Every structure is written in C-alpha cells, then in structure tokens.
Amino acid sequence: MKPKDIVLDFYKSDVFLDKKTVSELLHPEVIVDWNSSQGFIQMNFQDVMELTDEMARSYIRSKIRISHILQENNLVSLRFSHFAKTIENPREDMLLGKFFVIWEIKDNKLFRGYQMSQL
C-alpha cells in the first residue's frame, strides 16, 4: 500500500471514533508532535488511543475535509478541516479545527506525525 493511501485510510469519516481501526493504522512506536492553539503536546500510541476514546464519547460523527495532500517517498503532507457532530446536536457539523500534518510512514503504518492546528 502506498504511504498516501495509508494516510487517507486514517482520515476517512469516523475513523477517529473507532479505536480498533486507529490502532491498526498506527505504528506501535508512534509519536505525534502537535502544536495547537493551546500549546505543544507530544503523544505516543497510548495517548492517541485515549484521545480516540474521548472523541468517541463526545461525538457521534467525525468528518475530515481534505484540501491538500502531497506525498514524497515515505512522507505525506495533509491539510484538512475536521468536523464533528455532537450527541447534543447531531444535525450540525461543528468545526473542531483546521490542521496541517506531515506523516512519516514506517512498516506501512503511521510512525511519526508533525501536526499544527488552529480553531
């Protein structure tokens, strides 16, 4: 599978709410460096799994709208907006943020992520 396809599988609708699928796409030694409007966070495999659990409790639907995707060797860059539907308001897509991420693929899994986001 091409690195771009692996990344696209990760950003399909509702994947962020499915712990099993997320765990299958992540390398066991994954590290995500995330610069957000709230500050810097570094996450490992367990941290991403906990975030997935938290999102599954808070949202009934998750949708990614990709505007740009580029691949060079085992690196994939992606620009996207992330929307979700809450349990309280299932009819409205709420913008969670605008993101830019660079993923390094290793062993056909997401290995190293460098992400920036803003509300």
PDB file of N, CA and C in Angstrom:
ATOM      1  N   MET A   1       0.835  -1.175   0.000  1.00  0.00           N
ATOM      2  CA  MET A   1       0.000   0.000   0.000  1.00  0.00           C
ATOM      3  C   MET A   1       0.889   1.251   0.000  1.00  0.00           C
ATOM      4  N   LYS A   2       0.512   2.245  -0.774  1.00  0.00           N
ATOM      5  CA  LYS A   2       1.278   3.490  -0.856  1.00  0.00           C
ATOM      6  C   LYS A   2       1.097   4.303   0.422  1.00  0.00           C
ATOM      7  N   PRO A   3       2.133   5.060   0.813  1.00  0.00           N
ATOM      8  CA  PRO A   3       2.009   5.897   2.013  1.00  0.00           C
ATOM      9  C   PRO A   3       0.793   6.828   1.971  1.00  0.00           C
ATOM     10  N   LYS A   4       0.516   7.389   0.827  1.00  0.00           N
ATOM     11  CA  LYS A   4      -0.636   8.286   0.695  1.00  0.00           C
ATOM     12  C   LYS A   4      -1.945   7.552   1.016  1.00  0.00           C
ATOM     13  N   ASP A   5      -2.068   6.312   0.579  1.00  0.00           N
ATOM     14  CA  ASP A   5      -3.279   5.527   0.841  1.00  0.00           C
ATOM     15  C   ASP A   5      -3.435   5.201   2.330  1.00  0.00           C
ATOM     16  N   ILE A   6      -2.327   4.955   3.007  1.00  0.00           N
ATOM     17  CA  ILE A   6      -2.355   4.679   4.446  1.00  0.00           C
ATOM     18  C   ILE A   6      -2.875   5.907   5.186  1.00  0.00           C
ATOM     19  N   VAL A   7      -2.373   7.072   4.815  1.00  0.00           N
ATOM     20  CA  VAL A   7      -2.813   8.313   5.453  1.00  0.00           C
ATOM     21  C   VAL A   7      -4.294   8.576   5.146  1.00  0.00           C
ATOM     22  N   LEU A   8      -4.697   8.360   3.917  1.00  0.00           N
ATOM     23  CA  LEU A   8      -6.106   8.568   3.556  1.00  0.00           C
ATOM     24  C   LEU A   8      -7.027   7.629   4.326  1.00  0.00           C
ATOM     25  N   ASP A   9      -6.586   6.399   4.576  1.00  0.00           N
ATOM     26  CA  ASP A   9      -7.383   5.471   5.383  1.00  0.00           C
ATOM     27  C   ASP A   9      -7.589   6.004   6.802  1.00  0.00           C
ATOM     28  N   PHE A  10      -6.563   6.650   7.337  1.00  0.00           N
ATOM     29  CA  PHE A  10      -6.635   7.199   8.692  1.00  0.00           C
ATOM     30  C   PHE A  10      -7.619   8.372   8.780  1.00  0.00           C
ATOM     31  N   TYR A  11      -7.722   9.129   7.699  1.00  0.00           N
ATOM     32  CA  TYR A  11      -8.560  10.330   7.712  1.00  0.00           C
ATOM     33  C   TYR A  11      -9.936  10.126   7.075  1.00  0.00           C
ATOM     34  N   LYS A  12     -10.364   8.886   6.891  1.00  0.00           N
ATOM     35  CA  LYS A  12     -11.724   8.618   6.424  1.00  0.00           C
ATOM     36  C   LYS A  12     -12.725   9.002   7.513  1.00  0.00           C
ATOM     37  N   SER A  13     -13.953   9.241   7.094  1.00  0.00           N
ATOM     38  CA  SER A  13     -15.003   9.604   8.050  1.00  0.00           C
ATOM     39  C   SER A  13     -15.118   8.572   9.166  1.00  0.00           C
ATOM     40  N   ASP A  14     -15.229   9.070  10.371  1.00  0.00           N
ATOM     41  CA  ASP A  14     -15.478   8.295  11.591  1.00  0.00           C
ATOM     42  C   ASP A  14     -14.317   7.420  12.067  1.00  0.00           C
ATOM     43  N   VAL A  15     -13.201   7.383  11.369  1.00  0.00           N
ATOM     44  CA  VAL A  15     -12.076   6.560  11.835  1.00  0.00           C
ATOM     45  C   VAL A  15     -11.604   7.028  13.209  1.00  0.00           C
ATOM     46  N   PHE A  16     -11.586   8.339  13.438  1.00  0.00           N
ATOM     47  CA  PHE A  16     -11.115   8.855  14.729  1.00  0.00           C
ATOM     48  C   PHE A  16     -11.977   8.382  15.902  1.00  0.00           C
ATOM     49  N   LEU A  17     -13.148   7.860  15.609  1.00  0.00           N
ATOM     50  CA  LEU A  17     -14.038   7.384  16.672  1.00  0.00           C
ATOM     51  C   LEU A  17     -13.940   5.875  16.873  1.00  0.00           C
ATOM     52  N   ASP A  18     -13.121   5.208  16.077  1.00  0.00           N
ATOM     53  CA  ASP A  18     -13.022   3.745  16.087  1.00  0.00           C
ATOM     54  C   ASP A  18     -11.636   3.317  16.569  1.00  0.00           C
ATOM     55  N   LYS A  19     -11.553   2.963  17.828  1.00  0.00           N
ATOM     56  CA  LYS A  19     -10.269   2.618  18.454  1.00  0.00           C
ATOM     57  C   LYS A  19      -9.563   1.463  17.745  1.00  0.00           C
ATOM     58  N   LYS A  20     -10.317   0.475  17.316  1.00  0.00           N
ATOM     59  CA  LYS A  20      -9.721  -0.694  16.659  1.00  0.00           C
ATOM     60  C   LYS A  20      -9.032  -0.280  15.346  1.00  0.00           C
ATOM     61  N   THR A  21      -9.715   0.496  14.528  1.00  0.00           N
ATOM     62  CA  THR A  21      -9.138   0.922  13.251  1.00  0.00           C
ATOM     63  C   THR A  21      -7.932   1.823  13.472  1.00  0.00           C
ATOM     64  N   VAL A  22      -8.051   2.766  14.402  1.00  0.00           N
ATOM     65  CA  VAL A  22      -6.923   3.656  14.694  1.00  0.00           C
ATOM     66  C   VAL A  22      -5.710   2.843  15.128  1.00  0.00           C
ATOM     67  N   SER A  23      -5.910   1.880  16.008  1.00  0.00           N
ATOM     68  CA  SER A  23      -4.770   1.087  16.499  1.00  0.00           C
ATOM     69  C   SER A  23      -4.118   0.272  15.386  1.00  0.00           C
ATOM     70  N   GLU A  24      -4.906  -0.161  14.404  1.00  0.00           N
ATOM     71  CA  GLU A  24      -4.343  -0.924  13.278  1.00  0.00           C
ATOM     72  C   GLU A  24      -3.531  -0.048  12.332  1.00  0.00           C
ATOM     73  N   LEU A  25      -3.841   1.230  12.257  1.00  0.00           N
ATOM     74  CA  LEU A  25      -3.137   2.130  11.341  1.00  0.00           C
ATOM     75  C   LEU A  25      -1.896   2.768  11.955  1.00  0.00           C
ATOM     76  N   LEU A  26      -1.810   2.778  13.283  1.00  0.00           N
ATOM     77  CA  LEU A  26      -0.674   3.394  13.967  1.00  0.00           C
ATOM     78  C   LEU A  26       0.450   2.391  14.216  1.00  0.00           C
ATOM     79  N   HIS A  27       1.664   2.843  14.038  1.00  0.00           N
ATOM     80  CA  HIS A  27       2.843   2.069  14.411  1.00  0.00           C
ATOM     81  C   HIS A  27       2.880   2.005  15.942  1.00  0.00           C
ATOM     82  N   PRO A  28       3.275   0.885  16.526  1.00  0.00           N
ATOM     83  CA  PRO A  28       3.310   0.789  17.999  1.00  0.00           C
ATOM     84  C   PRO A  28       4.213   1.839  18.655  1.00  0.00           C
ATOM     85  N   GLU A  29       5.190   2.345  17.914  1.00  0.00           N
ATOM     86  CA  GLU A  29       6.120   3.350  18.455  1.00  0.00           C
ATOM     87  C   GLU A  29       5.794   4.755  17.946  1.00  0.00           C
ATOM     88  N   VAL A  30       4.553   4.983  17.560  1.00  0.00           N
ATOM     89  CA  VAL A  30       4.152   6.278  17.002  1.00  0.00           C
ATOM     90  C   VAL A  30       4.423   7.417  17.987  1.00  0.00           C
ATOM     91  N   ILE A  31       4.846   8.539  17.438  1.00  0.00           N
ATOM     92  CA  ILE A  31       4.990   9.788  18.190  1.00  0.00           C
ATOM     93  C   ILE A  31       4.358  10.885  17.343  1.00  0.00           C
ATOM     94  N   VAL A  32       3.516  11.680  17.970  1.00  0.00           N
ATOM     95  CA  VAL A  32       2.897  12.823  17.297  1.00  0.00           C
ATOM     96  C   VAL A  32       3.294  14.086  18.058  1.00  0.00           C
ATOM     97  N   ASP A  33       3.984  14.993  17.367  1.00  0.00           N
ATOM     98  CA  ASP A  33       4.290  16.315  17.907  1.00  0.00           C
ATOM     99  C   ASP A  33       3.213  17.257  17.402  1.00  0.00           C
ATOM    100  N   TRP A  34       2.403  17.799  18.318  1.00  0.00           N
ATOM    101  CA  TRP A  34       1.234  18.580  17.938  1.00  0.00           C
ATOM    102  C   TRP A  34       1.354  19.979  18.536  1.00  0.00           C
ATOM    103  N   ASN A  35       1.462  20.961  17.649  1.00  0.00           N
ATOM    104  CA  ASN A  35       1.421  22.369  18.042  1.00  0.00           C
ATOM    105  C   ASN A  35       0.014  22.879  17.766  1.00  0.00           C
ATOM    106  N   SER A  36      -0.713  23.171  18.840  1.00  0.00           N
ATOM    107  CA  SER A  36      -2.092  23.634  18.693  1.00  0.00           C
ATOM    108  C   SER A  36      -2.199  25.061  19.215  1.00  0.00           C
ATOM    109  N   SER A  37      -3.382  25.626  19.084  1.00  0.00           N
ATOM    110  CA  SER A  37      -3.612  26.963  19.624  1.00  0.00           C
ATOM    111  C   SER A  37      -3.534  26.944  21.156  1.00  0.00           C
ATOM    112  N   GLN A  38      -3.568  25.756  21.759  1.00  0.00           N
ATOM    113  CA  GLN A  38      -3.468  25.606  23.207  1.00  0.00           C
ATOM    114  C   GLN A  38      -2.033  25.352  23.682  1.00  0.00           C
ATOM    115  N   GLY A  39      -1.098  25.123  22.737  1.00  0.00           N
ATOM    116  CA  GLY A  39       0.291  24.845  23.094  1.00  0.00           C
ATOM    117  C   GLY A  39       0.790  23.561  22.465  1.00  0.00           C
ATOM    118  N   PHE A  40       1.930  23.079  22.939  1.00  0.00           N
ATOM    119  CA  PHE A  40       2.575  21.894  22.380  1.00  0.00           C
ATOM    120  C   PHE A  40       2.183  20.644  23.165  1.00  0.00           C
ATOM    121  N   ILE A  41       1.891  19.574  22.428  1.00  0.00           N
ATOM    122  CA  ILE A  41       1.581  18.273  23.016  1.00  0.00           C
ATOM    123  C   ILE A  41       2.396  17.228  22.258  1.00  0.00           C
ATOM    124  N   GLN A  42       3.005  16.307  22.966  1.00  0.00           N
ATOM    125  CA  GLN A  42       3.640  15.156  22.320  1.00  0.00           C
ATOM    126  C   GLN A  42       2.875  13.916  22.769  1.00  0.00           C
ATOM    127  N   MET A  43       2.409  13.154  21.785  1.00  0.00           N
ATOM    128  CA  MET A  43       1.582  11.992  22.086  1.00  0.00           C
ATOM    129  C   MET A  43       2.242  10.720  21.573  1.00  0.00           C
ATOM    130  N   ASN A  44       2.107   9.641  22.360  1.00  0.00           N
ATOM    131  CA  ASN A  44       2.558   8.320  21.937  1.00  0.00           C
ATOM    132  C   ASN A  44       1.324   7.474  21.595  1.00  0.00           C
ATOM    133  N   PHE A  45       1.527   6.203  21.365  1.00  0.00           N
ATOM    134  CA  PHE A  45       0.426   5.308  20.985  1.00  0.00           C
ATOM    135  C   PHE A  45      -0.716   5.350  22.002  1.00  0.00           C
ATOM    136  N   GLN A  46      -0.392   5.210  23.269  1.00  0.00           N
ATOM    137  CA  GLN A  46      -1.421   5.192  24.319  1.00  0.00           C
ATOM    138  C   GLN A  46      -2.172   6.510  24.380  1.00  0.00           C
ATOM    139  N   ASP A  47      -1.463   7.620  24.222  1.00  0.00           N
ATOM    140  CA  ASP A  47      -2.113   8.933  24.240  1.00  0.00           C
ATOM    141  C   ASP A  47      -3.113   9.074  23.098  1.00  0.00           C
ATOM    142  N   VAL A  48      -2.753   8.589  21.914  1.00  0.00           N
ATOM    143  CA  VAL A  48      -3.659   8.659  20.770  1.00  0.00           C
ATOM    144  C   VAL A  48      -4.881   7.775  21.021  1.00  0.00           C
ATOM    145  N   MET A  49      -4.677   6.623  21.623  1.00  0.00           N
ATOM    146  CA  MET A  49      -5.807   5.741  21.940  1.00  0.00           C
ATOM    147  C   MET A  49      -6.754   6.410  22.947  1.00  0.00           C
ATOM    148  N   GLU A  50      -6.196   7.094  23.928  1.00  0.00           N
ATOM    149  CA  GLU A  50      -7.020   7.803  24.907  1.00  0.00           C
ATOM    150  C   GLU A  50      -7.794   8.945  24.249  1.00  0.00           C
ATOM    151  N   LEU A  51      -7.167   9.651  23.317  1.00  0.00           N
ATOM    152  CA  LEU A  51      -7.843  10.715  22.572  1.00  0.00           C
ATOM    153  C   LEU A  51      -8.988  10.132  21.742  1.00  0.00           C
ATOM    154  N   THR A  52      -8.759   8.982  21.135  1.00  0.00           N
ATOM    155  CA  THR A  52      -9.803   8.309  20.353  1.00  0.00           C
ATOM    156  C   THR A  52     -10.986   7.945  21.246  1.00  0.00           C
ATOM    157  N   ASP A  53     -10.725   7.409  22.433  1.00  0.00           N
ATOM    158  CA  ASP A  53     -11.792   7.096  23.394  1.00  0.00           C
ATOM    159  C   ASP A  53     -12.587   8.342  23.770  1.00  0.00           C
ATOM    160  N   GLU A  54     -11.867   9.413  24.045  1.00  0.00           N
ATOM    161  CA  GLU A  54     -12.513  10.669  24.440  1.00  0.00           C
ATOM    162  C   GLU A  54     -13.402  11.208  23.317  1.00  0.00           C
ATOM    163  N   MET A  55     -12.904  11.137  22.087  1.00  0.00           N
ATOM    164  CA  MET A  55     -13.688  11.615  20.948  1.00  0.00           C
ATOM    165  C   MET A  55     -14.933  10.747  20.739  1.00  0.00           C
ATOM    166  N   ALA A  56     -14.793   9.443  20.904  1.00  0.00           N
ATOM    167  CA  ALA A  56     -15.933   8.532  20.724  1.00  0.00           C
ATOM    168  C   ALA A  56     -17.020   8.789  21.769  1.00  0.00           C
ATOM    169  N   ARG A  57     -16.619   9.230  22.952  1.00  0.00           N
ATOM    170  CA  ARG A  57     -17.603   9.569  23.987  1.00  0.00           C
ATOM    171  C   ARG A  57     -18.291  10.904  23.707  1.00  0.00           C
ATOM    172  N   SER A  58     -17.605  11.808  23.014  1.00  0.00           N
ATOM    173  CA  SER A  58     -18.121  13.166  22.815  1.00  0.00           C
ATOM    174  C   SER A  58     -18.871  13.370  21.510  1.00  0.00           C
ATOM    175  N   TYR A  59     -18.529  12.592  20.483  1.00  0.00           N
ATOM    176  CA  TYR A  59     -19.078  12.840  19.148  1.00  0.00           C
ATOM    177  C   TYR A  59     -19.736  11.586  18.583  1.00  0.00           C
ATOM    178  N   ILE A  60     -20.767  11.802  17.780  1.00  0.00           N
ATOM    179  CA  ILE A  60     -21.419  10.670  17.128  1.00  0.00           C
ATOM    180  C   ILE A  60     -20.973  10.530  15.680  1.00  0.00           C
ATOM    181  N   ARG A  61     -20.288  11.550  15.172  1.00  0.00           N
ATOM    182  CA  ARG A  61     -19.832  11.527  13.787  1.00  0.00           C
ATOM    183  C   ARG A  61     -18.594  12.396  13.671  1.00  0.00           C
ATOM    184  N   SER A  62     -17.637  11.979  12.856  1.00  0.00           N
ATOM    185  CA  SER A  62     -16.417  12.731  12.611  1.00  0.00           C
ATOM    186  C   SER A  62     -16.164  12.754  11.112  1.00  0.00           C
ATOM    187  N   LYS A  63     -15.872  13.945  10.591  1.00  0.00           N
ATOM    188  CA  LYS A  63     -15.671  14.078   9.155  1.00  0.00           C
ATOM    189  C   LYS A  63     -14.453  14.958   8.883  1.00  0.00           C
ATOM    190  N   ILE A  64     -13.656  14.515   7.932  1.00  0.00           N
ATOM    191  CA  ILE A  64     -12.463  15.246   7.519  1.00  0.00           C
ATOM    192  C   ILE A  64     -12.676  15.764   6.098  1.00  0.00           C
ATOM    193  N   ARG A  65     -12.391  17.034   5.898  1.00  0.00           N
ATOM    194  CA  ARG A  65     -12.417  17.608   4.544  1.00  0.00           C
ATOM    195  C   ARG A  65     -10.998  17.989   4.174  1.00  0.00           C
ATOM    196  N   ILE A  66     -10.422  17.216   3.257  1.00  0.00           N
ATOM    197  CA  ILE A  66      -9.036  17.399   2.837  1.00  0.00           C
ATOM    198  C   ILE A  66      -8.987  18.409   1.699  1.00  0.00           C
ATOM    199  N   SER A  67      -8.105  19.396   1.839  1.00  0.00           N
ATOM    200  CA  SER A  67      -7.928  20.365   0.760  1.00  0.00           C
ATOM    201  C   SER A  67      -6.623  20.130  -0.008  1.00  0.00           C
ATOM    202  N   HIS A  68      -5.612  19.565   0.653  1.00  0.00           N
ATOM    203  CA  HIS A  68      -4.325  19.308   0.001  1.00  0.00           C
ATOM    204  C   HIS A  68      -3.732  18.015   0.549  1.00  0.00           C
ATOM    205  N   ILE A  69      -3.106  17.245  -0.329  1.00  0.00           N
ATOM    206  CA  ILE A  69      -2.356  16.069   0.098  1.00  0.00           C
ATOM    207  C   ILE A  69      -1.191  15.872  -0.877  1.00  0.00           C
ATOM    208  N   LEU A  70      -0.001  15.711  -0.318  1.00  0.00           N
ATOM    209  CA  LEU A  70       1.209  15.534  -1.115  1.00  0.00           C
ATOM    210  C   LEU A  70       2.028  14.384  -0.536  1.00  0.00           C
ATOM    211  N   GLN A  71       2.645  13.613  -1.421  1.00  0.00           N
ATOM    212  CA  GLN A  71       3.494  12.515  -0.970  1.00  0.00           C
ATOM    213  C   GLN A  71       4.870  12.647  -1.599  1.00  0.00           C
ATOM    214  N   GLU A  72       5.888  12.448  -0.792  1.00  0.00           N
ATOM    215  CA  GLU A  72       7.262  12.356  -1.270  1.00  0.00           C
ATOM    216  C   GLU A  72       7.928  11.210  -0.517  1.00  0.00           C
ATOM    217  N   ASN A  73       8.229  10.145  -1.247  1.00  0.00           N
ATOM    218  CA  ASN A  73       8.779   8.921  -0.654  1.00  0.00           C
ATOM    219  C   ASN A  73       7.855   8.427   0.459  1.00  0.00           C
ATOM    220  N   ASN A  74       8.355   8.327   1.707  1.00  0.00           N
ATOM    221  CA  ASN A  74       7.528   7.815   2.802  1.00  0.00           C
ATOM    222  C   ASN A  74       6.925   8.935   3.660  1.00  0.00           C
ATOM    223  N   LEU A  75       6.925  10.182   3.136  1.00  0.00           N
ATOM    224  CA  LEU A  75       6.342  11.320   3.838  1.00  0.00           C
ATOM    225  C   LEU A  75       5.073  11.773   3.125  1.00  0.00           C
ATOM    226  N   VAL A  76       4.029  12.029   3.904  1.00  0.00           N
ATOM    227  CA  VAL A  76       2.761  12.505   3.343  1.00  0.00           C
ATOM    228  C   VAL A  76       2.343  13.748   4.119  1.00  0.00           C
ATOM    229  N   SER A  77       2.062  14.829   3.387  1.00  0.00           N
ATOM    230  CA  SER A  77       1.589  16.080   3.983  1.00  0.00           C
ATOM    231  C   SER A  77       0.119  16.248   3.656  1.00  0.00           C
ATOM    232  N   LEU A  78      -0.614  16.739   4.637  1.00  0.00           N
ATOM    233  CA  LEU A  78      -2.064  16.822   4.502  1.00  0.00           C
ATOM    234  C   LEU A  78      -2.551  18.115   5.153  1.00  0.00           C
ATOM    235  N   ARG A  79      -3.438  18.815   4.446  1.00  0.00           N
ATOM    236  CA  ARG A  79      -4.115  19.992   5.003  1.00  0.00           C
ATOM    237  C   ARG A  79      -5.605  19.676   5.008  1.00  0.00           C
ATOM    238  N   PHE A  80      -6.243  19.848   6.176  1.00  0.00           N
ATOM    239  CA  PHE A  80      -7.643  19.456   6.264  1.00  0.00           C
ATOM    240  C   PHE A  80      -8.380  20.237   7.349  1.00  0.00           C
ATOM    241  N   SER A  81      -9.693  20.180   7.273  1.00  0.00           N
ATOM    242  CA  SER A  81     -10.573  20.693   8.318  1.00  0.00           C
ATOM    243  C   SER A  81     -11.279  19.490   8.938  1.00  0.00           C
ATOM    244  N   HIS A  82     -11.407  19.518  10.268  1.00  0.00           N
ATOM    245  CA  HIS A  82     -12.037  18.416  10.986  1.00  0.00           C
ATOM    246  C   HIS A  82     -13.358  18.899  11.569  1.00  0.00           C
ATOM    247  N   PHE A  83     -14.425  18.190  11.215  1.00  0.00           N
ATOM    248  CA  PHE A  83     -15.771  18.497  11.690  1.00  0.00           C
ATOM    249  C   PHE A  83     -16.299  17.316  12.500  1.00  0.00           C
ATOM    250  N   ALA A  84     -17.204  17.601  13.435  1.00  0.00           N
ATOM    251  CA  ALA A  84     -17.832  16.535  14.212  1.00  0.00           C
ATOM    252  C   ALA A  84     -19.269  16.918  14.535  1.00  0.00           C
ATOM    253  N   LYS A  85     -20.057  15.895  14.815  1.00  0.00           N
ATOM    254  CA  LYS A  85     -21.430  16.084  15.280  1.00  0.00           C
ATOM    255  C   LYS A  85     -21.481  15.624  16.726  1.00  0.00           C
ATOM    256  N   THR A  86     -22.023  16.476  17.568  1.00  0.00           N
ATOM    257  CA  THR A  86     -22.098  16.148  18.989  1.00  0.00           C
ATOM    258  C   THR A  86     -23.367  15.358  19.292  1.00  0.00           C
ATOM    259  N   ILE A  87     -23.351  14.705  20.417  1.00  0.00           N
ATOM    260  CA  ILE A  87     -24.522  13.972  20.884  1.00  0.00           C
ATOM    261  C   ILE A  87     -25.680  14.951  21.105  1.00  0.00           C
ATOM    262  N   GLU A  88     -25.356  16.139  21.631  1.00  0.00           N
ATOM    263  CA  GLU A  88     -26.380  17.137  21.920  1.00  0.00           C
ATOM    264  C   GLU A  88     -26.983  17.754  20.663  1.00  0.00           C
ATOM    265  N   ASN A  89     -26.193  17.848  19.587  1.00  0.00           N
ATOM    266  CA  ASN A  89     -26.663  18.492  18.368  1.00  0.00           C
ATOM    267  C   ASN A  89     -26.256  17.664  17.146  1.00  0.00           C
ATOM    268  N   PRO A  90     -26.915  16.536  16.912  1.00  0.00           N
ATOM    269  CA  PRO A  90     -26.490  15.613  15.866  1.00  0.00           C
ATOM    270  C   PRO A  90     -26.754  16.093  14.432  1.00  0.00           C
ATOM    271  N   ARG A  91     -27.441  17.209  14.271  1.00  0.00           N
ATOM    272  CA  ARG A  91     -27.751  17.700  12.929  1.00  0.00           C
ATOM    273  C   ARG A  91     -26.757  18.725  12.406  1.00  0.00           C
ATOM    274  N   GLU A  92     -25.871  19.194  13.273  1.00  0.00           N
ATOM    275  CA  GLU A  92     -24.955  20.265  12.880  1.00  0.00           C
ATOM    276  C   GLU A  92     -23.503  19.787  12.909  1.00  0.00           C
ATOM    277  N   ASP A  93     -22.788  20.040  11.808  1.00  0.00           N
ATOM    278  CA  ASP A  93     -21.344  19.796  11.771  1.00  0.00           C
ATOM    279  C   ASP A  93     -20.645  20.952  12.474  1.00  0.00           C
ATOM    280  N   MET A  94     -19.875  20.631  13.494  1.00  0.00           N
ATOM    281  CA  MET A  94     -19.135  21.641  14.233  1.00  0.00           C
ATOM    282  C   MET A  94     -17.662  21.558  13.824  1.00  0.00           C
ATOM    283  N   LEU A  95     -17.073  22.684  13.452  1.00  0.00           N
ATOM    284  CA  LEU A  95     -15.658  22.712  13.091  1.00  0.00           C
ATOM    285  C   LEU A  95     -14.815  22.561  14.353  1.00  0.00           C
ATOM    286  N   LEU A  96     -14.012  21.503  14.403  1.00  0.00           N
ATOM    287  CA  LEU A  96     -13.112  21.291  15.538  1.00  0.00           C
ATOM    288  C   LEU A  96     -11.798  22.030  15.340  1.00  0.00           C
ATOM    289  N   GLY A  97     -11.395  22.200  14.074  1.00  0.00           N
ATOM    290  CA  GLY A  97     -10.164  22.919  13.803  1.00  0.00           C
ATOM    291  C   GLY A  97      -9.693  22.723  12.378  1.00  0.00           C
ATOM    292  N   LYS A  98      -8.711  23.547  12.022  1.00  0.00           N
ATOM    293  CA  LYS A  98      -8.028  23.426  10.734  1.00  0.00           C
ATOM    294  C   LYS A  98      -6.634  22.896  11.034  1.00  0.00           C
ATOM    295  N   PHE A  99      -6.194  21.910  10.240  1.00  0.00           N
ATOM    296  CA  PHE A  99      -4.982  21.168  10.554  1.00  0.00           C
ATOM    297  C   PHE A  99      -4.036  21.098   9.368  1.00  0.00           C
ATOM    298  N   PHE A 100      -2.754  20.989   9.694  1.00  0.00           N
ATOM    299  CA  PHE A 100      -1.725  20.634   8.734  1.00  0.00           C
ATOM    300  C   PHE A 100      -0.868  19.589   9.424  1.00  0.00           C
ATOM    301  N   VAL A 101      -0.609  18.476   8.735  1.00  0.00           N
ATOM    302  CA  VAL A 101       0.184  17.408   9.344  1.00  0.00           C
ATOM    303  C   VAL A 101       1.121  16.804   8.306  1.00  0.00           C
ATOM    304  N   ILE A 102       2.295  16.424   8.761  1.00  0.00           N
ATOM    305  CA  ILE A 102       3.247  15.652   7.958  1.00  0.00           C
ATOM    306  C   ILE A 102       3.409  14.309   8.655  1.00  0.00           C
ATOM    307  N   TRP A 103       3.131  13.232   7.924  1.00  0.00           N
ATOM    308  CA  TRP A 103       3.273  11.888   8.469  1.00  0.00           C
ATOM    309  C   TRP A 103       4.449  11.163   7.827  1.00  0.00           C
ATOM    310  N   GLU A 104       5.248  10.513   8.645  1.00  0.00           N
ATOM    311  CA  GLU A 104       6.266   9.580   8.171  1.00  0.00           C
ATOM    312  C   GLU A 104       5.674   8.177   8.310  1.00  0.00           C
ATOM    313  N   ILE A 105       5.766   7.409   7.237  1.00  0.00           N
ATOM    314  CA  ILE A 105       5.233   6.052   7.219  1.00  0.00           C
ATOM    315  C   ILE A 105       6.389   5.067   7.394  1.00  0.00           C
ATOM    316  N   LYS A 106       6.190   4.102   8.303  1.00  0.00           N
ATOM    317  CA  LYS A 106       7.184   3.062   8.543  1.00  0.00           C
ATOM    318  C   LYS A 106       6.438   1.748   8.737  1.00  0.00           C
ATOM    319  N   ASP A 107       6.879   0.705   8.053  1.00  0.00           N
ATOM    320  CA  ASP A 107       6.232  -0.612   8.141  1.00  0.00           C
ATOM    321  C   ASP A 107       4.744  -0.531   7.785  1.00  0.00           C
ATOM    322  N   ASN A 108       4.410   0.312   6.812  1.00  0.00           N
ATOM    323  CA  ASN A 108       3.034   0.515   6.347  1.00  0.00           C
ATOM    324  C   ASN A 108       2.093   1.014   7.452  1.00  0.00           C
ATOM    325  N   LYS A 109       2.639   1.783   8.380  1.00  0.00           N
ATOM    326  CA  LYS A 109       1.847   2.363   9.465  1.00  0.00           C
ATOM    327  C   LYS A 109       2.287   3.803   9.706  1.00  0.00           C
ATOM    328  N   LEU A 110       1.402   4.574  10.343  1.00  0.00           N
ATOM    329  CA  LEU A 110       1.729   5.954  10.711  1.00  0.00           C
ATOM    330  C   LEU A 110       2.730   5.918  11.848  1.00  0.00           C
ATOM    331  N   PHE A 111       3.924   6.440  11.590  1.00  0.00           N
ATOM    332  CA  PHE A 111       5.021   6.305  12.543  1.00  0.00           C
ATOM    333  C   PHE A 111       5.327   7.612  13.277  1.00  0.00           C
ATOM    334  N   ARG A 112       5.487   8.681  12.529  1.00  0.00           N
ATOM    335  CA  ARG A 112       5.886   9.951  13.136  1.00  0.00           C
ATOM    336  C   ARG A 112       5.031  11.059  12.537  1.00  0.00           C
ATOM    337  N   GLY A 113       4.333  11.806  13.377  1.00  0.00           N
ATOM    338  CA  GLY A 113       3.462  12.871  12.900  1.00  0.00           C
ATOM    339  C   GLY A 113       3.889  14.217  13.450  1.00  0.00           C
ATOM    340  N   TYR A 114       3.863  15.218  12.594  1.00  0.00           N
ATOM    341  CA  TYR A 114       4.156  16.597  12.966  1.00  0.00           C
ATOM    342  C   TYR A 114       2.925  17.411  12.582  1.00  0.00           C
ATOM    343  N   GLN A 115       2.183  17.871  13.567  1.00  0.00           N
ATOM    344  CA  GLN A 115       0.872  18.450  13.308  1.00  0.00           C
ATOM    345  C   GLN A 115       0.750  19.843  13.907  1.00  0.00           C
ATOM    346  N   MET A 116       0.045  20.705  13.162  1.00  0.00           N
ATOM    347  CA  MET A 116      -0.305  22.038  13.658  1.00  0.00           C
ATOM    348  C   MET A 116      -1.804  22.216  13.470  1.00  0.00           C
ATOM    349  N   SER A 117      -2.447  22.867  14.432  1.00  0.00           N
ATOM    350  CA  SER A 117      -3.883  23.085  14.321  1.00  0.00           C
ATOM    351  C   SER A 117      -4.255  24.435  14.922  1.00  0.00           C
ATOM    352  N   GLN A 118      -5.417  24.905  14.461  1.00  0.00           N
ATOM    353  CA  GLN A 118      -5.970  26.146  14.980  1.00  0.00           C
ATOM    354  C   GLN A 118      -7.481  26.073  14.919  1.00  0.00           C
ATOM    355  N   LEU A 119      -8.146  26.621  15.912  1.00  0.00           N
ATOM    356  CA  LEU A 119      -9.611  26.650  15.906  1.00  0.00           C
ATOM    357  C   LEU A 119     -10.118  27.623  14.867  1.00  0.00           C
TER     358      LEU A 119
END
